[in-house]
Amino acid sequence: MYGQGKMERNATRTNLTLIKLLGRIGRLAHKHLPFPVKGVLGVVQGLYGYYRHGQISHAAWCQLLESHCASNGRFTEHLKRVIAVSRPQRRPAPVSGLLGTFSVAEQRKIVDVLERDGFYRFDALMPADLCDQIERFAQRAPAEPDTPVGDITSLVIYDPGNPGARVFKIPERFSIAEAGVQRLMADEVFVAVAEMYLKSLPAIGGVDIWWSARYGNEPASSAAQLFHFDFDAPPAWLKLFVYMTDVGPDNGPHVYVKGSHRANLISARAFRARGYTRIDDKEIIAAFGRDALMSITGPRGTVFMADTRGFHKGTLPTAGHRLIAQLLYCSPVFNEHGVARPISEIVEPALETSLGKMPRVYDRFR
């Protein structure tokens, strides 16, 4: 009986949350008419899909994307404030993690930079032993190439001496079982920064680890080597990036267009109006200026966070390669990676602790 009563209470809370969200969306649509009708439909369909099935449909996601592009980002910026009701922000507090201890004031300074520039690079480096763990894992883990390697179209082990493709992405189901990756997932500092930035309790929406190889002579769209914006988990999200190898100018550094994450930018209007497409360097430079292109290089262990609603790319490596780990922090409602992927075994005590302290951050993995 106790279990049944608990399920009924959870269902009631879910229904009340859904009703509150729909009410706020209705008021928002009335206040901001003409509001993108497809976007409102996408929100309603996405909410229904999430609370009924645990994931948004691709069709609803596409409607949100279309509204984001048509409104030059204003639709998703408004929706960000509305959807926060479903995951209220906790009271800020000092937190400790792999990069040290951060006071509330220090978290606020990081978020101020994120709000202004769209990205923030941490001063401290990730511990060398964590980089060792994840690099060793990536050297032996099966990965998916962005193009078929010879006659092989399935998973392969990355061979730096003979890559045969530009990008080798390790499936999430393998990554989340690795101790080093679990240590990264457990870190409370990155959760706290994302929470303060998003103004809502985030969930880890995706875990990606991939090699960028020295291969080919031209940047490729399939390898995200042309400028673009992401739309992983509307209305807003924040990504954590960690370089697991040294990244100089020739190793494929991440390039971010400073300030391009903001909604209603005149310089971004024409690009967003095109939809989910790649953009030539010359056009980006003409619109934002060369000085806005921030190439993020650094030694192994370099850590930065970015709002990838802004325009960005990974450059084509011309010497060596790059190994990167990425975590997505978002509201899980409209996350297109939203299919539950339970972790089969917790091998890292830090993750066990974080699961106990902030279980909703790990909704996808429980």
Foldseek 3Di string as FASTA:
>chain_A
DVVVVVVVVVVVVLVVLLVQLLVVLVVVVVVDPVQQPLLNVLVNQLSCCCSPPNAGDPSSLVSNLLRCLQQQNPNQVVVLVSNQSVFAFDDDAWFAAQQGIDGPVRLVVQLVQCQQWQKDWDPGFGDLVLLVQVVVLLQPAWWQALDAQVPHRGTDRADQVRGSGFKTKGDQLSQCQGQSSLSVLLGPSVQSSFCVNSNGRWAFLGKIKMKGHQDDDDDDVSQQQFKWFDSQFTDWKKKKKFWSAFFDPQAFFKKFQTRQLDGPDPLCSVVSNVTGDGDHPVSNCVSRNPVRIDTDGGGHRIMMMGTRNTIMGTHRHNDGMTIMIMIMIHHLSHGNSRAANARPDNPYVSSVVSCVVPVVNHVSHD
